N, C-alpha and C. Protein backbone atom coordinates (compact mmCIF):
# COMPACT_ATOMS: atom_id res chain seq x y z
N UNK A 1 40.20 3.16 -40.18
CA UNK A 1 41.35 3.78 -40.99
C UNK A 1 42.10 2.90 -41.81
N UNK A 2 42.33 3.16 -43.17
CA UNK A 2 43.15 2.37 -43.87
C UNK A 2 44.55 2.91 -44.21
N UNK A 3 45.34 2.31 -44.87
CA UNK A 3 46.74 2.89 -45.16
C UNK A 3 46.63 4.20 -46.10
N UNK A 4 45.76 4.20 -46.90
CA UNK A 4 45.44 5.40 -47.67
C UNK A 4 45.29 6.71 -47.00
N UNK A 5 44.32 6.50 -45.93
CA UNK A 5 44.04 7.39 -44.97
C UNK A 5 45.30 7.93 -44.42
N UNK A 6 46.09 7.07 -43.94
CA UNK A 6 47.27 7.45 -43.06
C UNK A 6 48.32 8.18 -44.02
N UNK A 7 48.31 7.76 -45.27
CA UNK A 7 49.23 8.41 -46.26
C UNK A 7 48.71 9.90 -46.65
N UNK A 8 47.32 10.05 -46.59
CA UNK A 8 46.86 11.33 -46.85
C UNK A 8 46.90 12.38 -45.73
N UNK A 9 46.81 11.78 -44.51
CA UNK A 9 47.19 12.57 -43.20
C UNK A 9 48.63 13.13 -43.43
N UNK A 10 49.36 12.25 -43.64
CA UNK A 10 50.81 12.71 -43.81
C UNK A 10 50.92 13.87 -44.74
N UNK A 11 50.38 13.77 -45.89
CA UNK A 11 50.30 14.61 -47.02
C UNK A 11 49.76 16.12 -46.46
N UNK A 12 48.68 15.88 -45.77
CA UNK A 12 48.01 17.04 -45.04
C UNK A 12 49.06 17.76 -44.23
N UNK A 13 49.79 17.21 -43.56
CA UNK A 13 50.89 17.83 -42.68
C UNK A 13 51.99 18.49 -43.57
N UNK A 14 52.34 17.69 -44.57
CA UNK A 14 53.33 18.19 -45.45
C UNK A 14 52.83 19.36 -46.28
N UNK A 15 51.55 19.39 -46.77
CA UNK A 15 51.08 20.57 -47.44
C UNK A 15 51.07 21.72 -46.50
N UNK A 16 50.67 21.76 -45.30
CA UNK A 16 50.84 22.61 -44.33
C UNK A 16 52.10 23.40 -44.16
N UNK A 17 53.17 22.60 -44.24
CA UNK A 17 54.54 23.15 -44.40
C UNK A 17 54.90 23.85 -45.61
N UNK A 18 54.39 23.44 -46.75
CA UNK A 18 54.69 24.11 -47.96
C UNK A 18 54.02 25.48 -48.17
N UNK A 19 52.58 25.34 -47.68
CA UNK A 19 51.77 26.56 -47.68
C UNK A 19 52.27 27.74 -46.77
N UNK A 20 52.98 27.21 -45.67
CA UNK A 20 53.69 28.34 -44.82
C UNK A 20 54.69 28.93 -45.37
N UNK A 21 55.73 28.00 -45.85
CA UNK A 21 56.89 28.40 -46.51
C UNK A 21 56.91 29.32 -47.60
N UNK A 22 55.69 29.05 -48.61
CA UNK A 22 55.40 29.74 -49.63
C UNK A 22 54.58 30.85 -49.50
N UNK A 23 53.96 30.97 -48.30
CA UNK A 23 52.89 32.04 -47.88
C UNK A 23 51.85 32.16 -48.91
N UNK A 24 51.46 30.88 -49.36
CA UNK A 24 50.18 30.71 -50.31
C UNK A 24 49.09 30.68 -49.42
N UNK A 25 48.57 31.89 -48.88
CA UNK A 25 47.44 31.73 -47.96
C UNK A 25 46.12 31.52 -48.64
N UNK A 26 46.06 31.68 -50.28
CA UNK A 26 45.01 31.29 -50.94
C UNK A 26 44.56 29.75 -50.80
N UNK A 27 45.74 28.92 -50.35
CA UNK A 27 45.33 27.52 -50.29
C UNK A 27 45.08 26.91 -48.90
N UNK A 28 44.74 27.94 -47.89
CA UNK A 28 44.55 27.44 -46.52
C UNK A 28 43.37 26.61 -46.45
N UNK A 29 42.47 26.85 -47.49
CA UNK A 29 41.07 25.99 -47.61
C UNK A 29 41.44 24.37 -47.87
N UNK A 30 42.62 24.37 -48.49
CA UNK A 30 43.10 22.90 -48.71
C UNK A 30 43.65 22.12 -47.55
N UNK A 31 43.70 22.84 -46.34
CA UNK A 31 44.22 22.22 -45.15
C UNK A 31 43.41 22.50 -43.96
N UNK A 32 42.56 23.54 -44.06
CA UNK A 32 41.74 23.88 -42.84
C UNK A 32 40.46 23.69 -43.24
N UNK A 33 39.47 23.56 -42.26
CA UNK A 33 37.86 23.87 -42.47
C UNK A 33 37.67 25.35 -42.23
N UNK A 34 36.40 25.77 -42.55
CA UNK A 34 36.01 27.11 -42.35
C UNK A 34 36.08 27.53 -40.73
N UNK A 35 35.95 26.65 -40.09
CA UNK A 35 35.81 26.90 -38.69
C UNK A 35 36.85 26.16 -37.90
N UNK A 36 38.02 25.84 -38.32
CA UNK A 36 39.15 25.35 -37.74
C UNK A 36 39.76 26.29 -36.73
N UNK A 37 40.51 25.69 -35.84
CA UNK A 37 41.27 26.48 -34.85
C UNK A 37 42.72 26.24 -34.81
N UNK A 38 43.52 27.38 -34.83
CA UNK A 38 44.92 27.29 -34.72
C UNK A 38 45.27 27.92 -33.35
N UNK A 39 46.03 27.14 -32.38
CA UNK A 39 46.31 27.39 -31.07
C UNK A 39 47.87 27.56 -31.23
N UNK A 40 48.35 28.73 -31.19
CA UNK A 40 50.01 28.89 -31.30
C UNK A 40 50.42 29.25 -29.84
N UNK A 41 49.86 29.01 -28.86
CA UNK A 41 50.23 29.10 -27.50
C UNK A 41 50.09 30.37 -26.87
N UNK A 42 50.44 30.60 -25.65
CA UNK A 42 50.13 31.71 -25.05
C UNK A 42 50.72 32.97 -25.33
N UNK A 43 51.83 32.87 -26.07
CA UNK A 43 52.57 34.01 -26.60
C UNK A 43 51.85 34.40 -27.95
N UNK A 44 51.59 33.69 -28.75
CA UNK A 44 51.17 34.00 -30.05
C UNK A 44 49.48 33.98 -30.36
N UNK A 45 48.82 33.34 -29.38
CA UNK A 45 47.46 33.26 -29.49
C UNK A 45 46.66 32.05 -30.15
N UNK A 46 45.33 32.46 -29.97
CA UNK A 46 44.50 31.28 -30.68
C UNK A 46 43.64 31.95 -31.69
N UNK A 47 43.44 31.30 -32.90
CA UNK A 47 42.80 31.87 -34.07
C UNK A 47 41.73 30.96 -34.57
N UNK A 48 40.66 31.60 -34.65
CA UNK A 48 39.47 30.61 -35.11
C UNK A 48 38.78 31.13 -36.44
N UNK A 49 38.80 30.01 -37.25
CA UNK A 49 38.33 30.29 -38.79
C UNK A 49 39.33 30.70 -39.56
N UNK A 50 39.17 30.60 -40.73
CA UNK A 50 40.06 30.88 -41.90
C UNK A 50 40.63 32.16 -41.92
N UNK A 51 39.45 33.07 -41.78
CA UNK A 51 39.90 34.54 -41.89
C UNK A 51 40.81 35.00 -40.76
N UNK A 52 40.55 34.53 -39.48
CA UNK A 52 41.55 34.83 -38.35
C UNK A 52 42.88 34.11 -38.56
N UNK A 53 42.89 33.05 -39.16
CA UNK A 53 44.27 32.26 -39.32
C UNK A 53 44.95 33.00 -40.38
N UNK A 54 44.38 33.34 -41.46
CA UNK A 54 45.07 34.02 -42.49
C UNK A 54 45.53 35.28 -42.10
N UNK A 55 44.74 36.12 -41.37
CA UNK A 55 45.08 37.48 -40.96
C UNK A 55 46.33 37.41 -40.02
N UNK A 56 46.42 36.45 -39.16
CA UNK A 56 47.58 36.11 -38.25
C UNK A 56 48.85 35.85 -38.92
N UNK A 57 48.65 34.93 -39.95
CA UNK A 57 49.85 34.50 -40.54
C UNK A 57 50.33 35.62 -41.66
N UNK A 58 49.48 36.25 -42.10
CA UNK A 58 49.90 37.43 -43.13
C UNK A 58 50.86 38.30 -42.54
N UNK A 59 50.63 38.73 -41.34
CA UNK A 59 51.53 39.58 -40.73
C UNK A 59 52.73 39.11 -39.77
N UNK A 60 52.50 37.90 -39.53
CA UNK A 60 53.72 37.03 -38.79
C UNK A 60 54.94 36.93 -39.41
N UNK A 61 56.08 37.16 -38.83
CA UNK A 61 57.38 36.83 -39.39
C UNK A 61 57.78 35.45 -39.38
N UNK A 62 57.25 34.80 -40.43
CA UNK A 62 57.55 33.36 -40.30
C UNK A 62 58.90 32.78 -40.31
N UNK A 63 59.32 31.70 -39.69
CA UNK A 63 60.56 31.13 -40.10
C UNK A 63 60.84 30.75 -41.45
N UNK A 64 62.09 30.65 -41.90
CA UNK A 64 62.39 30.41 -43.40
C UNK A 64 62.05 28.93 -43.81
N UNK A 65 61.94 28.01 -42.94
CA UNK A 65 61.62 26.65 -43.46
C UNK A 65 60.83 25.97 -42.09
N UNK A 66 59.76 25.49 -42.66
CA UNK A 66 59.03 24.65 -41.65
C UNK A 66 59.15 23.09 -41.84
N UNK A 67 59.52 22.40 -41.12
CA UNK A 67 59.62 20.89 -41.24
C UNK A 67 58.86 20.06 -40.46
N UNK A 68 58.13 19.02 -40.88
CA UNK A 68 57.36 18.11 -39.99
C UNK A 68 58.13 16.83 -39.85
N UNK A 69 58.20 16.33 -38.75
CA UNK A 69 58.96 15.07 -38.35
C UNK A 69 58.08 14.11 -37.27
N UNK A 70 58.47 12.87 -37.57
CA UNK A 70 57.97 12.00 -36.58
C UNK A 70 56.47 12.07 -36.47
N UNK A 71 55.76 11.91 -37.60
CA UNK A 71 54.20 12.05 -37.56
C UNK A 71 53.74 10.51 -36.77
N UNK A 72 53.01 10.64 -35.94
CA UNK A 72 52.30 9.68 -35.17
C UNK A 72 50.93 9.83 -35.10
N UNK A 73 50.14 8.99 -35.99
CA UNK A 73 48.63 8.79 -36.11
C UNK A 73 48.25 8.05 -34.70
N UNK A 74 47.69 8.96 -33.75
CA UNK A 74 47.35 8.25 -32.50
C UNK A 74 46.18 7.32 -32.53
N UNK A 75 44.96 7.93 -32.92
CA UNK A 75 43.85 7.17 -32.70
C UNK A 75 42.66 7.85 -33.26
N UNK A 76 41.45 7.03 -33.69
CA UNK A 76 40.43 7.49 -34.26
C UNK A 76 39.55 7.88 -33.07
N UNK A 77 38.99 8.94 -32.96
CA UNK A 77 38.02 9.35 -31.87
C UNK A 77 36.66 9.12 -32.20
N UNK A 78 35.84 9.01 -31.07
CA UNK A 78 34.53 8.64 -31.14
C UNK A 78 33.61 9.54 -32.37
N UNK A 79 33.99 10.78 -32.48
CA UNK A 79 33.32 11.60 -33.53
C UNK A 79 33.72 11.49 -34.88
N UNK A 80 34.65 10.58 -35.16
CA UNK A 80 35.19 10.37 -36.52
C UNK A 80 36.50 11.14 -36.89
N UNK A 81 36.85 11.90 -35.96
CA UNK A 81 38.19 12.72 -36.01
C UNK A 81 39.21 11.83 -35.70
N UNK A 82 40.42 12.22 -36.13
CA UNK A 82 41.77 11.45 -35.72
C UNK A 82 42.64 12.40 -34.94
N UNK A 83 43.29 11.87 -33.90
CA UNK A 83 44.44 12.49 -33.34
C UNK A 83 45.72 12.17 -33.75
N UNK A 84 46.56 13.37 -34.15
CA UNK A 84 47.81 13.09 -34.63
C UNK A 84 48.94 14.00 -33.76
N UNK A 85 49.98 13.33 -33.64
CA UNK A 85 51.02 14.06 -32.87
C UNK A 85 52.22 14.26 -33.87
N UNK A 86 52.73 15.44 -34.13
CA UNK A 86 54.03 15.70 -34.90
C UNK A 86 55.00 16.57 -34.48
N UNK A 87 56.23 16.32 -34.59
CA UNK A 87 57.29 17.22 -34.28
C UNK A 87 57.57 18.31 -35.43
N UNK A 88 57.59 19.60 -35.00
CA UNK A 88 58.04 20.49 -35.78
C UNK A 88 59.46 21.21 -35.46
N UNK A 89 60.15 21.34 -36.71
CA UNK A 89 61.51 22.03 -36.57
C UNK A 89 61.55 23.21 -37.61
N UNK A 90 61.91 24.33 -37.11
CA UNK A 90 62.01 25.58 -38.02
C UNK A 90 63.29 26.24 -37.96
N UNK A 91 63.65 26.58 -39.15
CA UNK A 91 64.91 27.36 -39.49
C UNK A 91 64.41 28.86 -39.49
N UNK A 92 65.18 29.55 -38.87
CA UNK A 92 64.67 31.05 -38.77
C UNK A 92 65.96 31.71 -38.86
N UNK A 93 66.10 33.24 -39.15
CA UNK A 93 67.17 34.12 -39.15
C UNK A 93 67.73 34.05 -37.54
N UNK A 94 68.96 33.61 -37.51
CA UNK A 94 69.63 33.46 -36.35
C UNK A 94 69.50 32.24 -35.38
N UNK A 95 68.74 31.29 -36.17
CA UNK A 95 68.71 30.08 -35.29
C UNK A 95 67.78 28.99 -35.60
N UNK A 96 67.29 28.28 -34.82
CA UNK A 96 66.36 27.28 -35.11
C UNK A 96 65.53 27.11 -33.70
N UNK A 97 64.23 26.58 -33.83
CA UNK A 97 63.29 26.32 -32.83
C UNK A 97 62.46 25.27 -33.15
N UNK A 98 61.85 24.50 -32.27
CA UNK A 98 60.84 23.55 -32.47
C UNK A 98 60.01 23.05 -31.44
N UNK A 99 59.14 22.21 -31.60
CA UNK A 99 58.16 21.90 -30.69
C UNK A 99 57.24 20.79 -31.16
N UNK A 100 56.07 20.54 -30.54
CA UNK A 100 55.13 19.48 -30.87
C UNK A 100 53.89 20.13 -31.46
N UNK A 101 53.28 19.42 -32.39
CA UNK A 101 51.96 19.73 -32.95
C UNK A 101 50.94 18.69 -32.37
N UNK A 102 49.97 19.29 -31.69
CA UNK A 102 48.77 18.22 -31.42
C UNK A 102 47.57 18.76 -32.31
N UNK A 103 47.30 17.65 -33.18
CA UNK A 103 46.22 17.86 -34.22
C UNK A 103 45.01 16.93 -34.00
N UNK A 104 43.97 17.63 -34.42
CA UNK A 104 42.69 16.85 -34.60
C UNK A 104 42.32 16.98 -36.12
N UNK A 105 42.29 16.00 -36.88
CA UNK A 105 41.93 16.06 -38.42
C UNK A 105 40.68 15.47 -38.61
N UNK A 106 40.03 15.73 -39.75
CA UNK A 106 38.80 15.03 -40.10
C UNK A 106 38.86 14.85 -41.63
N UNK A 107 38.32 13.67 -41.89
CA UNK A 107 38.17 13.38 -43.55
C UNK A 107 36.84 14.09 -44.03
N UNK A 108 37.03 14.96 -45.05
CA UNK A 108 35.82 15.63 -45.74
C UNK A 108 35.79 15.09 -47.21
N UNK A 109 34.71 15.44 -47.91
CA UNK A 109 34.60 15.10 -49.24
C UNK A 109 35.78 15.62 -50.12
N UNK A 110 36.43 16.71 -49.69
CA UNK A 110 37.56 17.19 -50.42
C UNK A 110 38.95 16.66 -49.68
N UNK A 111 38.89 15.68 -48.83
CA UNK A 111 40.08 15.20 -48.12
C UNK A 111 40.22 15.60 -46.87
N UNK A 112 41.40 15.32 -46.13
CA UNK A 112 41.55 15.46 -44.82
C UNK A 112 41.85 17.01 -44.58
N UNK A 113 41.37 17.32 -43.44
CA UNK A 113 41.61 18.77 -42.98
C UNK A 113 41.77 18.79 -41.44
N UNK A 114 42.57 19.83 -41.12
CA UNK A 114 42.87 20.14 -39.53
C UNK A 114 41.39 20.80 -39.03
N UNK A 115 41.10 20.24 -38.03
CA UNK A 115 39.96 20.73 -37.25
C UNK A 115 40.47 21.70 -36.06
N UNK A 116 41.73 21.13 -35.58
CA UNK A 116 42.49 21.92 -34.59
C UNK A 116 43.84 21.70 -34.79
N UNK A 117 44.60 22.62 -34.58
CA UNK A 117 46.14 22.46 -34.74
C UNK A 117 46.69 23.36 -33.56
N UNK A 118 47.17 22.60 -32.63
CA UNK A 118 47.86 23.22 -31.45
C UNK A 118 49.32 23.04 -31.49
N UNK A 119 50.08 24.20 -31.30
CA UNK A 119 51.66 24.19 -31.27
C UNK A 119 52.04 24.31 -29.85
N UNK A 120 52.89 23.50 -29.36
CA UNK A 120 53.58 23.54 -28.15
C UNK A 120 54.98 23.86 -28.20
N UNK A 121 55.55 24.88 -28.15
CA UNK A 121 56.98 25.08 -28.24
C UNK A 121 57.80 24.33 -27.18
N UNK A 122 58.96 23.76 -27.65
CA UNK A 122 59.82 22.85 -26.91
C UNK A 122 61.16 23.33 -26.62
N UNK A 123 61.84 23.94 -27.81
CA UNK A 123 63.17 24.43 -27.61
C UNK A 123 63.45 25.39 -28.68
N UNK A 124 64.54 26.32 -28.31
CA UNK A 124 64.99 27.18 -29.20
C UNK A 124 66.58 27.27 -29.19
N UNK A 125 67.22 27.37 -30.37
CA UNK A 125 68.66 27.45 -30.39
C UNK A 125 69.08 28.77 -31.13
N UNK A 126 69.76 29.80 -30.55
CA UNK A 126 70.31 30.68 -31.16
C UNK A 126 71.74 30.54 -31.69
N UNK A 127 71.94 30.92 -33.04
CA UNK A 127 73.22 30.78 -33.73
C UNK A 127 73.87 32.29 -33.98
N UNK A 128 75.07 32.41 -33.22
CA UNK A 128 75.63 33.67 -33.49
C UNK A 128 76.48 33.68 -34.87
N UNK A 129 76.60 34.81 -35.72
CA UNK A 129 77.41 34.75 -36.92
C UNK A 129 78.99 34.38 -36.62
N UNK A 130 79.46 33.65 -37.55
CA UNK A 130 80.89 33.33 -37.30
C UNK A 130 81.66 34.36 -37.46
């Protein structure tokens, strides 16, 4: 994997945050494969394929801002995919929360895409109005 691939993986993660913040579900195919999996944990569930992912996010009350931090491209796997670890930080009404994304990404003819995106919640801070 060269430096350009690493930059493109960073851009994939950034594109994800922008798509969620703008609720631009028509662009999900720019970040996911038709059979990608999103695992949002035991509370929110696992979603298989673009249709299930879009349906879940369409009705979910998203945080106002998604932020990706500390992207660590860990290793190339034997099947040609790449393992990536990212910290997520979210501003929502009434506070903030965050956790880790454990990703598997693959390079396609159309660029890098998530094969699997797993979110592991780590913390939550509620802020009361002043």
